[in-house]
Amino acid sequence: MHRVIYIDVLFCVNFIIDFLLLLSVKKYLSLKSRYRRMVLGAAVGAVSSFVIFLPPLNEMISLVIRLVTAAAVVFAAFFPTEKKLFVKAAAAYFLITFCFCGASIAFLMLLSPPIAIRNGAVYIDISPLMLVGIIFACYLVIRIICRVTGRSMPRREICKITIDNNGKSASLIAKADTGNTLREPFSGSPVVVAEHDKLNDVLPREIEEYIIYTAQAQFAKASVLNEAKKGSDILLEDTYMSCIRLIPYNSVGGNGLLPAFKPTSLKISVNGKIIEADAYIAVTERRLSETFSALIPLELISE
């Protein structure tokens, strides 16, 4: 007996499933991704389900197709990203897919609808309303599993900070990091490190001018800075130092100075609470991560 497979139903069902899988991956790893990119990834996954119309394929070929398809789905949804994070996203996609399949089997065993499987693609002969209900039920199961097993970063470590300065504000996703022990040398105040391009609206003019000045002079290390200052002490001290601070840092990648400023206010939103913090904002040209744009000392959110 031949089974009739409707291509529009096949596409829509797999599109919804892949979108929810990608949404789960995004939540699980706290990834930054626009929804239109996730729609693209889901569309790639939905189109790949058309292999069900091909003649039966060798198991090895079918496995390779599934692996390539999964990589393409993750690539379309989350690229560009760091190589390590891409591998994590792909692994999470497979893990959550397995969880979804297990949850789906549990629900389908209760309903026993006709199912067609070929070349790794699945077509379920069930009413659209019932299918949507099962998909969302599976999605809830996945979210519960993600919540129970935990995420790559504890929720307490990921927060949102709002920086207000001179009547303007900027909001960033931040990570509370025990490794951030930076202090402003004179006051001893803690220091938040934030990406330069995320602070355009709140940066003091002096910070921008200092960054341009140092970039043109090409001194990234303190020793070079001291030599360059010999002929321009007045410029740096009178124009910049009265408005900004230089924060010395040491890291695996080297050491140097980060320009910093004291914002009008700094608010940290974590676990539904708003914490007003007293800290300096240090500006870095380096990309911190795909998942956050600032590093805050853990002490700022410790109770």
C-alpha atoms as a PDB file:
ATOM      1  CA  MET A   1       0.000   0.000   0.000  1.00  0.00           C
ATOM      2  CA  HIS A   2       1.383   3.363  -1.033  1.00  0.00           C
ATOM      3  CA  ARG A   3       1.280   6.248   1.394  1.00  0.00           C
ATOM      4  CA  VAL A   4       0.526   9.751   0.198  1.00  0.00           C
ATOM      5  CA  ILE A   5       3.004  12.362   1.466  1.00  0.00           C
ATOM      6  CA  TYR A   6       2.100  16.018   1.098  1.00  0.00           C
ATOM      7  CA  ILE A   7       5.190  18.113   0.497  1.00  0.00           C
ATOM      8  CA  ASP A   8       3.737  21.254   2.124  1.00  0.00           C
ATOM      9  CA  VAL A   9       2.849  19.339   5.300  1.00  0.00           C
ATOM     10  CA  LEU A  10       6.295  17.707   5.303  1.00  0.00           C
ATOM     11  CA  PHE A  11       8.018  21.076   4.986  1.00  0.00           C
ATOM     12  CA  CYS A  12       5.898  22.864   7.604  1.00  0.00           C
ATOM     13  CA  VAL A  13       6.193  20.102  10.187  1.00  0.00           C
ATOM     14  CA  ASN A  14       9.972  19.821   9.852  1.00  0.00           C
ATOM     15  CA  PHE A  15      10.330  23.607   9.788  1.00  0.00           C
ATOM     16  CA  ILE A  16       8.502  23.948  13.104  1.00  0.00           C
ATOM     17  CA  ILE A  17      10.486  21.110  14.655  1.00  0.00           C
ATOM     18  CA  ASP A  18      13.860  22.488  13.527  1.00  0.00           C
ATOM     19  CA  PHE A  19      12.973  26.004  14.659  1.00  0.00           C
ATOM     20  CA  LEU A  20      12.113  24.755  18.143  1.00  0.00           C
ATOM     21  CA  LEU A  21      15.306  22.672  18.226  1.00  0.00           C
ATOM     22  CA  LEU A  22      17.384  25.725  17.305  1.00  0.00           C
ATOM     23  CA  LEU A  23      15.520  27.814  19.862  1.00  0.00           C
ATOM     24  CA  SER A  24      16.384  25.211  22.478  1.00  0.00           C
ATOM     25  CA  VAL A  25      20.055  25.292  21.449  1.00  0.00           C
ATOM     26  CA  LYS A  26      20.048  29.083  21.661  1.00  0.00           C
ATOM     27  CA  LYS A  27      18.573  29.015  25.172  1.00  0.00           C
ATOM     28  CA  TYR A  28      20.789  26.137  26.300  1.00  0.00           C
ATOM     29  CA  LEU A  29      24.048  27.841  25.295  1.00  0.00           C
ATOM     30  CA  SER A  30      22.881  31.466  25.691  1.00  0.00           C
ATOM     31  CA  LEU A  31      23.832  32.157  22.084  1.00  0.00           C
ATOM     32  CA  LYS A  32      23.279  35.424  20.272  1.00  0.00           C
ATOM     33  CA  SER A  33      21.316  34.843  17.079  1.00  0.00           C
ATOM     34  CA  ARG A  34      18.714  36.839  15.214  1.00  0.00           C
ATOM     35  CA  TYR A  35      15.410  35.070  14.688  1.00  0.00           C
ATOM     36  CA  ARG A  36      15.696  35.487  10.922  1.00  0.00           C
ATOM     37  CA  ARG A  37      18.906  33.437  11.050  1.00  0.00           C
ATOM     38  CA  MET A  38      17.103  30.748  13.021  1.00  0.00           C
ATOM     39  CA  VAL A  39      14.293  30.805  10.467  1.00  0.00           C
ATOM     40  CA  LEU A  40      16.935  30.250   7.766  1.00  0.00           C
ATOM     41  CA  GLY A  41      18.401  27.339   9.712  1.00  0.00           C
ATOM     42  CA  ALA A  42      14.951  25.801  10.197  1.00  0.00           C
ATOM     43  CA  ALA A  43      14.257  26.195   6.469  1.00  0.00           C
ATOM     44  CA  VAL A  44      17.498  24.357   5.650  1.00  0.00           C
ATOM     45  CA  GLY A  45      16.418  21.517   7.929  1.00  0.00           C
ATOM     46  CA  ALA A  46      12.929  21.434   6.441  1.00  0.00           C
ATOM     47  CA  VAL A  47      14.247  21.254   2.870  1.00  0.00           C
ATOM     48  CA  SER A  48      16.587  18.432   3.862  1.00  0.00           C
ATOM     49  CA  SER A  49      13.547  16.339   4.806  1.00  0.00           C
ATOM     50  CA  PHE A  50      12.784  16.030   1.083  1.00  0.00           C
ATOM     51  CA  VAL A  51      15.272  13.146   0.980  1.00  0.00           C
ATOM     52  CA  ILE A  52      12.254  11.058   1.928  1.00  0.00           C
ATOM     53  CA  PHE A  53      11.249  11.194  -1.762  1.00  0.00           C
ATOM     54  CA  LEU A  54      14.555   9.648  -2.905  1.00  0.00           C
ATOM     55  CA  PRO A  55      15.007   5.917  -3.382  1.00  0.00           C
ATOM     56  CA  PRO A  56      16.230   4.097  -0.259  1.00  0.00           C
ATOM     57  CA  LEU A  57      19.851   5.061   0.430  1.00  0.00           C
ATOM     58  CA  ASN A  58      22.704   3.115   1.957  1.00  0.00           C
ATOM     59  CA  GLU A  59      22.776   3.499   5.765  1.00  0.00           C
ATOM     60  CA  MET A  60      26.240   5.040   5.700  1.00  0.00           C
ATOM     61  CA  ILE A  61      25.232   7.553   3.025  1.00  0.00           C
ATOM     62  CA  SER A  62      22.062   8.360   4.958  1.00  0.00           C
ATOM     63  CA  LEU A  63      24.139   8.968   8.125  1.00  0.00           C
ATOM     64  CA  VAL A  64      26.539  11.278   6.262  1.00  0.00           C
ATOM     65  CA  ILE A  65      23.594  13.239   4.861  1.00  0.00           C
ATOM     66  CA  ARG A  66      22.139  13.677   8.344  1.00  0.00           C
ATOM     67  CA  LEU A  67      25.483  14.843   9.760  1.00  0.00           C
ATOM     68  CA  VAL A  68      26.046  17.314   6.929  1.00  0.00           C
ATOM     69  CA  THR A  69      22.476  18.557   7.237  1.00  0.00           C
ATOM     70  CA  ALA A  70      22.827  19.121  10.992  1.00  0.00           C
ATOM     71  CA  ALA A  71      26.059  21.067  10.442  1.00  0.00           C
ATOM     72  CA  ALA A  72      24.370  23.143   7.719  1.00  0.00           C
ATOM     73  CA  VAL A  73      21.390  23.905   9.974  1.00  0.00           C
ATOM     74  CA  VAL A  74      23.623  25.062  12.849  1.00  0.00           C
ATOM     75  CA  PHE A  75      25.856  26.995  10.435  1.00  0.00           C
ATOM     76  CA  ALA A  76      22.886  28.829   8.918  1.00  0.00           C
ATOM     77  CA  ALA A  77      21.428  29.678  12.333  1.00  0.00           C
ATOM     78  CA  PHE A  78      24.498  30.694  14.340  1.00  0.00           C
ATOM     79  CA  PHE A  79      27.386  31.533  11.996  1.00  0.00           C
ATOM     80  CA  PRO A  80      29.611  33.543  12.303  1.00  0.00           C
ATOM     81  CA  THR A  81      30.796  32.260  15.649  1.00  0.00           C
ATOM     82  CA  GLU A  82      33.949  30.925  17.267  1.00  0.00           C
ATOM     83  CA  LYS A  83      35.004  27.451  16.112  1.00  0.00           C
ATOM     84  CA  LYS A  84      34.771  26.043  19.634  1.00  0.00           C
ATOM     85  CA  LEU A  85      31.318  27.517  20.140  1.00  0.00           C
ATOM     86  CA  PHE A  86      30.160  26.190  16.760  1.00  0.00           C
ATOM     87  CA  VAL A  87      31.188  22.665  17.800  1.00  0.00           C
ATOM     88  CA  LYS A  88      29.283  23.147  21.073  1.00  0.00           C
ATOM     89  CA  ALA A  89      26.198  24.311  19.187  1.00  0.00           C
ATOM     90  CA  ALA A  90      26.364  21.317  16.829  1.00  0.00           C
ATOM     91  CA  ALA A  91      26.766  18.917  19.756  1.00  0.00           C
ATOM     92  CA  ALA A  92      23.872  20.569  21.602  1.00  0.00           C
ATOM     93  CA  TYR A  93      21.738  20.327  18.452  1.00  0.00           C
ATOM     94  CA  PHE A  94      22.334  16.555  18.282  1.00  0.00           C
ATOM     95  CA  LEU A  95      21.731  16.118  22.010  1.00  0.00           C
ATOM     96  CA  ILE A  96      18.476  18.068  21.960  1.00  0.00           C
ATOM     97  CA  THR A  97      17.387  16.265  18.767  1.00  0.00           C
ATOM     98  CA  PHE A  98      17.823  12.927  20.546  1.00  0.00           C
ATOM     99  CA  CYS A  99      15.803  14.231  23.489  1.00  0.00           C
ATOM    100  CA  PHE A 100      13.121  15.454  21.099  1.00  0.00           C
ATOM    101  CA  CYS A 101      12.996  12.093  19.336  1.00  0.00           C
ATOM    102  CA  GLY A 102      12.651  10.282  22.649  1.00  0.00           C
ATOM    103  CA  ALA A 103       9.859  12.570  23.792  1.00  0.00           C
ATOM    104  CA  SER A 104       8.134  12.251  20.402  1.00  0.00           C
ATOM    105  CA  ILE A 105       8.246   8.457  20.532  1.00  0.00           C
ATOM    106  CA  ALA A 106       6.700   8.527  24.000  1.00  0.00           C
ATOM    107  CA  PHE A 107       3.795  10.656  22.784  1.00  0.00           C
ATOM    108  CA  LEU A 108       3.348   8.746  19.523  1.00  0.00           C
ATOM    109  CA  MET A 109       3.230   5.382  21.301  1.00  0.00           C
ATOM    110  CA  LEU A 110       0.094   6.612  23.033  1.00  0.00           C
ATOM    111  CA  LEU A 111      -1.534   7.690  19.751  1.00  0.00           C
ATOM    112  CA  SER A 112      -0.090   5.076  17.336  1.00  0.00           C
ATOM    113  CA  PRO A 113      -0.449   7.157  14.142  1.00  0.00           C
ATOM    114  CA  PRO A 114       0.820   5.839  10.756  1.00  0.00           C
ATOM    115  CA  ILE A 115       4.477   6.833  10.293  1.00  0.00           C
ATOM    116  CA  ALA A 116       6.644   6.767   7.167  1.00  0.00           C
ATOM    117  CA  ILE A 117      10.441   6.724   7.590  1.00  0.00           C
ATOM    118  CA  ARG A 118      12.911   6.777   4.706  1.00  0.00           C
ATOM    119  CA  ASN A 119      16.514   7.989   4.469  1.00  0.00           C
ATOM    120  CA  GLY A 120      16.344   9.383   7.986  1.00  0.00           C
ATOM    121  CA  ALA A 121      13.340  11.606   7.201  1.00  0.00           C
ATOM    122  CA  VAL A 122      10.080  11.082   9.061  1.00  0.00           C
ATOM    123  CA  TYR A 123       6.506  11.757   7.929  1.00  0.00           C
ATOM    124  CA  ILE A 124       3.711  11.381  10.483  1.00  0.00           C
ATOM    125  CA  ASP A 125       0.140  10.906   9.272  1.00  0.00           C
ATOM    126  CA  ILE A 126      -1.651  12.863  11.987  1.00  0.00           C
ATOM    127  CA  SER A 127      -3.935  15.859  12.149  1.00  0.00           C
ATOM    128  CA  PRO A 128      -2.064  19.203  12.020  1.00  0.00           C
ATOM    129  CA  LEU A 129      -3.576  20.355  15.314  1.00  0.00           C
ATOM    130  CA  MET A 130      -2.529  17.194  17.124  1.00  0.00           C
ATOM    131  CA  LEU A 131       0.934  17.337  15.593  1.00  0.00           C
ATOM    132  CA  VAL A 132       1.473  20.946  16.680  1.00  0.00           C
ATOM    133  CA  GLY A 133       0.371  19.983  20.188  1.00  0.00           C
ATOM    134  CA  ILE A 134       2.862  17.103  20.290  1.00  0.00           C
ATOM    135  CA  ILE A 135       5.676  19.315  18.983  1.00  0.00           C
ATOM    136  CA  PHE A 136       5.129  21.959  21.639  1.00  0.00           C
ATOM    137  CA  ALA A 137       4.772  19.305  24.338  1.00  0.00           C
ATOM    138  CA  CYS A 138       8.137  17.879  23.256  1.00  0.00           C
ATOM    139  CA  TYR A 139       9.603  21.372  23.291  1.00  0.00           C
ATOM    140  CA  LEU A 140       8.473  21.818  26.894  1.00  0.00           C
ATOM    141  CA  VAL A 141      10.056  18.489  27.800  1.00  0.00           C
ATOM    142  CA  ILE A 142      13.338  19.621  26.204  1.00  0.00           C
ATOM    143  CA  ARG A 143      13.257  22.918  28.105  1.00  0.00           C
ATOM    144  CA  ILE A 144      12.713  21.032  31.364  1.00  0.00           C
ATOM    145  CA  ILE A 145      15.661  18.739  30.570  1.00  0.00           C
ATOM    146  CA  CYS A 146      17.845  21.764  29.785  1.00  0.00           C
ATOM    147  CA  ARG A 147      16.785  23.405  33.039  1.00  0.00           C
ATOM    148  CA  VAL A 148      17.498  20.261  35.092  1.00  0.00           C
ATOM    149  CA  THR A 149      20.828  19.372  33.479  1.00  0.00           C
ATOM    150  CA  GLY A 150      22.013  22.976  33.517  1.00  0.00           C
ATOM    151  CA  ARG A 151      23.547  25.180  30.845  1.00  0.00           C
ATOM    152  CA  SER A 152      27.129  25.869  29.809  1.00  0.00           C
ATOM    153  CA  MET A 153      27.040  28.935  32.076  1.00  0.00           C
ATOM    154  CA  PRO A 154      25.033  29.064  35.333  1.00  0.00           C
ATOM    155  CA  ARG A 155      22.150  31.472  35.073  1.00  0.00           C
ATOM    156  CA  ARG A 156      23.535  33.491  37.961  1.00  0.00           C
ATOM    157  CA  GLU A 157      26.683  34.204  35.985  1.00  0.00           C
ATOM    158  CA  ILE A 158      24.840  35.679  33.008  1.00  0.00           C
ATOM    159  CA  CYS A 159      23.160  39.011  33.574  1.00  0.00           C
ATOM    160  CA  LYS A 160      22.248  42.272  31.915  1.00  0.00           C
ATOM    161  CA  ILE A 161      23.915  45.556  32.760  1.00  0.00           C
ATOM    162  CA  THR A 162      22.662  49.042  31.977  1.00  0.00           C
ATOM    163  CA  ILE A 163      25.192  51.854  31.862  1.00  0.00           C
ATOM    164  CA  ASP A 164      23.934  55.436  32.126  1.00  0.00           C
ATOM    165  CA  ASN A 165      26.251  58.322  31.387  1.00  0.00           C
ATOM    166  CA  ASN A 166      25.574  61.955  30.502  1.00  0.00           C
ATOM    167  CA  GLY A 167      21.896  61.346  29.816  1.00  0.00           C
ATOM    168  CA  LYS A 168      22.459  58.338  27.534  1.00  0.00           C
ATOM    169  CA  SER A 169      22.375  54.610  28.245  1.00  0.00           C
ATOM    170  CA  ALA A 170      23.633  51.307  26.866  1.00  0.00           C
ATOM    171  CA  SER A 171      22.569  47.761  27.743  1.00  0.00           C
ATOM    172  CA  LEU A 172      24.898  44.779  27.497  1.00  0.00           C
ATOM    173  CA  ILE A 173      24.840  41.073  28.281  1.00  0.00           C
ATOM    174  CA  ALA A 174      27.547  40.420  30.871  1.00  0.00           C
ATOM    175  CA  LYS A 175      29.205  37.473  32.556  1.00  0.00           C
ATOM    176  CA  ALA A 176      30.116  37.546  36.224  1.00  0.00           C
ATOM    177  CA  ASP A 177      33.691  36.311  36.230  1.00  0.00           C
ATOM    178  CA  THR A 178      35.768  35.315  39.258  1.00  0.00           C
ATOM    179  CA  GLY A 179      38.848  35.992  37.133  1.00  0.00           C
ATOM    180  CA  ASN A 180      38.016  39.691  36.835  1.00  0.00           C
ATOM    181  CA  THR A 181      39.904  41.157  39.790  1.00  0.00           C
ATOM    182  CA  LEU A 182      40.709  44.500  38.179  1.00  0.00           C
ATOM    183  CA  ARG A 183      40.678  47.561  40.435  1.00  0.00           C
ATOM    184  CA  GLU A 184      40.906  51.267  39.797  1.00  0.00           C
ATOM    185  CA  PRO A 185      44.341  52.051  41.315  1.00  0.00           C
ATOM    186  CA  PHE A 186      43.400  55.177  43.306  1.00  0.00           C
ATOM    187  CA  SER A 187      39.944  54.366  44.699  1.00  0.00           C
ATOM    188  CA  GLY A 188      40.162  50.572  44.717  1.00  0.00           C
ATOM    189  CA  SER A 189      36.754  50.382  42.997  1.00  0.00           C
ATOM    190  CA  PRO A 190      35.947  47.229  40.989  1.00  0.00           C
ATOM    191  CA  VAL A 191      36.144  47.419  37.202  1.00  0.00           C
ATOM    192  CA  VAL A 192      33.724  46.169  34.549  1.00  0.00           C
ATOM    193  CA  VAL A 193      35.371  45.339  31.211  1.00  0.00           C
ATOM    194  CA  ALA A 194      33.164  46.026  28.189  1.00  0.00           C
ATOM    195  CA  GLU A 195      33.537  45.866  24.413  1.00  0.00           C
ATOM    196  CA  HIS A 196      34.197  49.231  22.783  1.00  0.00           C
ATOM    197  CA  ASP A 197      31.608  48.946  20.009  1.00  0.00           C
ATOM    198  CA  LYS A 198      28.831  48.258  22.538  1.00  0.00           C
ATOM    199  CA  LEU A 199      29.493  51.520  24.387  1.00  0.00           C
ATOM    200  CA  ASN A 200      29.288  54.056  21.571  1.00  0.00           C
ATOM    201  CA  ASP A 201      26.304  55.880  23.097  1.00  0.00           C
ATOM    202  CA  VAL A 202      27.806  56.344  26.556  1.00  0.00           C
ATOM    203  CA  LEU A 203      31.531  56.755  25.969  1.00  0.00           C
ATOM    204  CA  PRO A 204      32.970  60.108  27.065  1.00  0.00           C
ATOM    205  CA  ARG A 205      34.598  62.050  24.244  1.00  0.00           C
ATOM    206  CA  GLU A 206      37.914  61.825  26.065  1.00  0.00           C
ATOM    207  CA  ILE A 207      37.834  58.010  25.917  1.00  0.00           C
ATOM    208  CA  GLU A 208      37.262  58.037  22.157  1.00  0.00           C
ATOM    209  CA  GLU A 209      40.059  60.554  21.648  1.00  0.00           C
ATOM    210  CA  TYR A 210      42.400  58.555  23.876  1.00  0.00           C
ATOM    211  CA  ILE A 211      41.720  55.336  21.940  1.00  0.00           C
ATOM    212  CA  ILE A 212      42.346  57.096  18.627  1.00  0.00           C
ATOM    213  CA  TYR A 213      45.479  58.733  20.018  1.00  0.00           C
ATOM    214  CA  THR A 214      46.943  55.469  21.321  1.00  0.00           C
ATOM    215  CA  ALA A 215      46.036  53.591  18.129  1.00  0.00           C
ATOM    216  CA  GLN A 216      47.813  56.146  15.991  1.00  0.00           C
ATOM    217  CA  ALA A 217      50.840  56.145  18.280  1.00  0.00           C
ATOM    218  CA  GLN A 218      50.831  52.301  18.256  1.00  0.00           C
ATOM    219  CA  PHE A 219      51.750  51.782  21.866  1.00  0.00           C
ATOM    220  CA  ALA A 220      49.837  48.855  23.330  1.00  0.00           C
ATOM    221  CA  LYS A 221      52.151  48.258  26.289  1.00  0.00           C
ATOM    222  CA  ALA A 222      52.850  50.445  29.279  1.00  0.00           C
ATOM    223  CA  SER A 223      56.579  50.724  28.502  1.00  0.00           C
ATOM    224  CA  VAL A 224      55.856  52.080  25.027  1.00  0.00           C
ATOM    225  CA  LEU A 225      53.212  54.373  26.470  1.00  0.00           C
ATOM    226  CA  ASN A 226      55.716  55.910  28.877  1.00  0.00           C
ATOM    227  CA  GLU A 227      58.172  56.600  26.073  1.00  0.00           C
ATOM    228  CA  ALA A 228      55.471  58.181  23.913  1.00  0.00           C
ATOM    229  CA  LYS A 229      54.358  60.378  26.808  1.00  0.00           C
ATOM    230  CA  LYS A 230      57.721  62.122  27.039  1.00  0.00           C
ATOM    231  CA  GLY A 231      56.806  64.570  24.282  1.00  0.00           C
ATOM    232  CA  SER A 232      53.116  64.810  25.076  1.00  0.00           C
ATOM    233  CA  ASP A 233      52.698  64.866  28.875  1.00  0.00           C
ATOM    234  CA  ILE A 234      50.547  67.998  28.748  1.00  0.00           C
ATOM    235  CA  LEU A 235      48.185  66.526  26.166  1.00  0.00           C
ATOM    236  CA  LEU A 236      47.625  63.305  28.073  1.00  0.00           C
ATOM    237  CA  GLU A 237      47.492  64.704  31.580  1.00  0.00           C
ATOM    238  CA  ASP A 238      45.457  67.854  30.955  1.00  0.00           C
ATOM    239  CA  THR A 239      43.124  66.593  28.235  1.00  0.00           C
ATOM    240  CA  TYR A 240      42.616  62.964  29.201  1.00  0.00           C
ATOM    241  CA  MET A 241      43.735  62.039  32.686  1.00  0.00           C
ATOM    242  CA  SER A 242      41.337  64.404  34.404  1.00  0.00           C
ATOM    243  CA  CYS A 243      38.399  62.530  32.834  1.00  0.00           C
ATOM    244  CA  ILE A 244      39.558  58.925  32.491  1.00  0.00           C
ATOM    245  CA  ARG A 245      41.578  56.317  34.356  1.00  0.00           C
ATOM    246  CA  LEU A 246      44.058  53.776  33.018  1.00  0.00           C
ATOM    247  CA  ILE A 247      43.542  50.285  34.460  1.00  0.00           C
ATOM    248  CA  PRO A 248      46.583  47.983  34.370  1.00  0.00           C
ATOM    249  CA  TYR A 249      45.828  44.379  33.465  1.00  0.00           C
ATOM    250  CA  ASN A 250      47.665  41.095  33.071  1.00  0.00           C
ATOM    251  CA  SER A 251      46.324  38.165  31.068  1.00  0.00           C
ATOM    252  CA  VAL A 252      47.472  35.105  29.166  1.00  0.00           C
ATOM    253  CA  GLY A 253      47.600  37.228  26.023  1.00  0.00           C
ATOM    254  CA  GLY A 254      49.839  39.864  27.609  1.00  0.00           C
ATOM    255  CA  ASN A 255      49.519  42.993  29.714  1.00  0.00           C
ATOM    256  CA  GLY A 256      48.773  46.651  29.227  1.00  0.00           C
ATOM    257  CA  LEU A 257      46.412  49.466  30.141  1.00  0.00           C
ATOM    258  CA  LEU A 258      42.675  49.815  29.573  1.00  0.00           C
ATOM    259  CA  PRO A 259      41.063  53.282  29.506  1.00  0.00           C
ATOM    260  CA  ALA A 260      38.150  53.504  31.938  1.00  0.00           C
ATOM    261  CA  PHE A 261      35.505  55.973  33.059  1.00  0.00           C
ATOM    262  CA  LYS A 262      33.073  56.302  35.955  1.00  0.00           C
ATOM    263  CA  PRO A 263      29.479  56.174  34.630  1.00  0.00           C
ATOM    264  CA  THR A 264      26.636  58.176  36.106  1.00  0.00           C
ATOM    265  CA  SER A 265      25.051  54.901  37.172  1.00  0.00           C
ATOM    266  CA  LEU A 266      25.508  51.165  36.656  1.00  0.00           C
ATOM    267  CA  LYS A 267      22.599  48.769  37.135  1.00  0.00           C
ATOM    268  CA  ILE A 268      22.860  44.989  37.036  1.00  0.00           C
ATOM    269  CA  SER A 269      19.792  42.873  36.338  1.00  0.00           C
ATOM    270  CA  VAL A 270      20.232  39.307  37.591  1.00  0.00           C
ATOM    271  CA  ASN A 271      17.642  36.698  38.545  1.00  0.00           C
ATOM    272  CA  GLY A 272      14.865  39.290  38.489  1.00  0.00           C
ATOM    273  CA  LYS A 273      16.692  41.708  40.785  1.00  0.00           C
ATOM    274  CA  ILE A 274      18.186  45.094  39.998  1.00  0.00           C
ATOM    275  CA  ILE A 275      21.502  45.864  41.694  1.00  0.00           C
ATOM    276  CA  GLU A 276      22.993  49.349  41.629  1.00  0.00           C
ATOM    277  CA  ALA A 277      26.761  49.002  41.528  1.00  0.00           C
ATOM    278  CA  ASP A 278      29.643  51.386  42.046  1.00  0.00           C
ATOM    279  CA  ALA A 279      32.315  50.526  39.474  1.00  0.00           C
ATOM    280  CA  TYR A 280      34.427  51.838  36.647  1.00  0.00           C
ATOM    281  CA  ILE A 281      33.860  50.793  33.036  1.00  0.00           C
ATOM    282  CA  ALA A 282      37.053  49.749  31.247  1.00  0.00           C
ATOM    283  CA  VAL A 283      36.946  49.705  27.453  1.00  0.00           C
ATOM    284  CA  THR A 284      38.522  46.912  25.404  1.00  0.00           C
ATOM    285  CA  GLU A 285      38.918  46.604  21.652  1.00  0.00           C
ATOM    286  CA  ARG A 286      38.988  42.810  21.958  1.00  0.00           C
ATOM    287  CA  ARG A 287      35.899  40.684  21.328  1.00  0.00           C
ATOM    288  CA  LEU A 288      35.095  38.999  24.620  1.00  0.00           C
ATOM    289  CA  SER A 289      32.660  36.321  23.462  1.00  0.00           C
ATOM    290  CA  GLU A 290      29.742  35.499  21.202  1.00  0.00           C
ATOM    291  CA  THR A 291      27.499  35.155  24.254  1.00  0.00           C
ATOM    292  CA  PHE A 292      28.361  38.260  26.273  1.00  0.00           C
ATOM    293  CA  SER A 293      29.890  41.721  25.769  1.00  0.00           C
ATOM    294  CA  ALA A 294      31.113  42.541  29.265  1.00  0.00           C
ATOM    295  CA  LEU A 295      32.876  40.965  32.245  1.00  0.00           C
ATOM    296  CA  ILE A 296      31.850  42.033  35.724  1.00  0.00           C
ATOM    297  CA  PRO A 297      33.487  41.072  39.033  1.00  0.00           C
ATOM    298  CA  LEU A 298      31.495  38.362  40.791  1.00  0.00           C
ATOM    299  CA  GLU A 299      31.496  40.486  43.932  1.00  0.00           C
ATOM    300  CA  LEU A 300      29.084  42.955  42.309  1.00  0.00           C
ATOM    301  CA  ILE A 301      26.253  40.406  42.389  1.00  0.00           C
ATOM    302  CA  SER A 302      27.294  38.469  45.476  1.00  0.00           C
ATOM    303  CA  GLU A 303      24.921  38.762  48.371  1.00  0.00           C
END
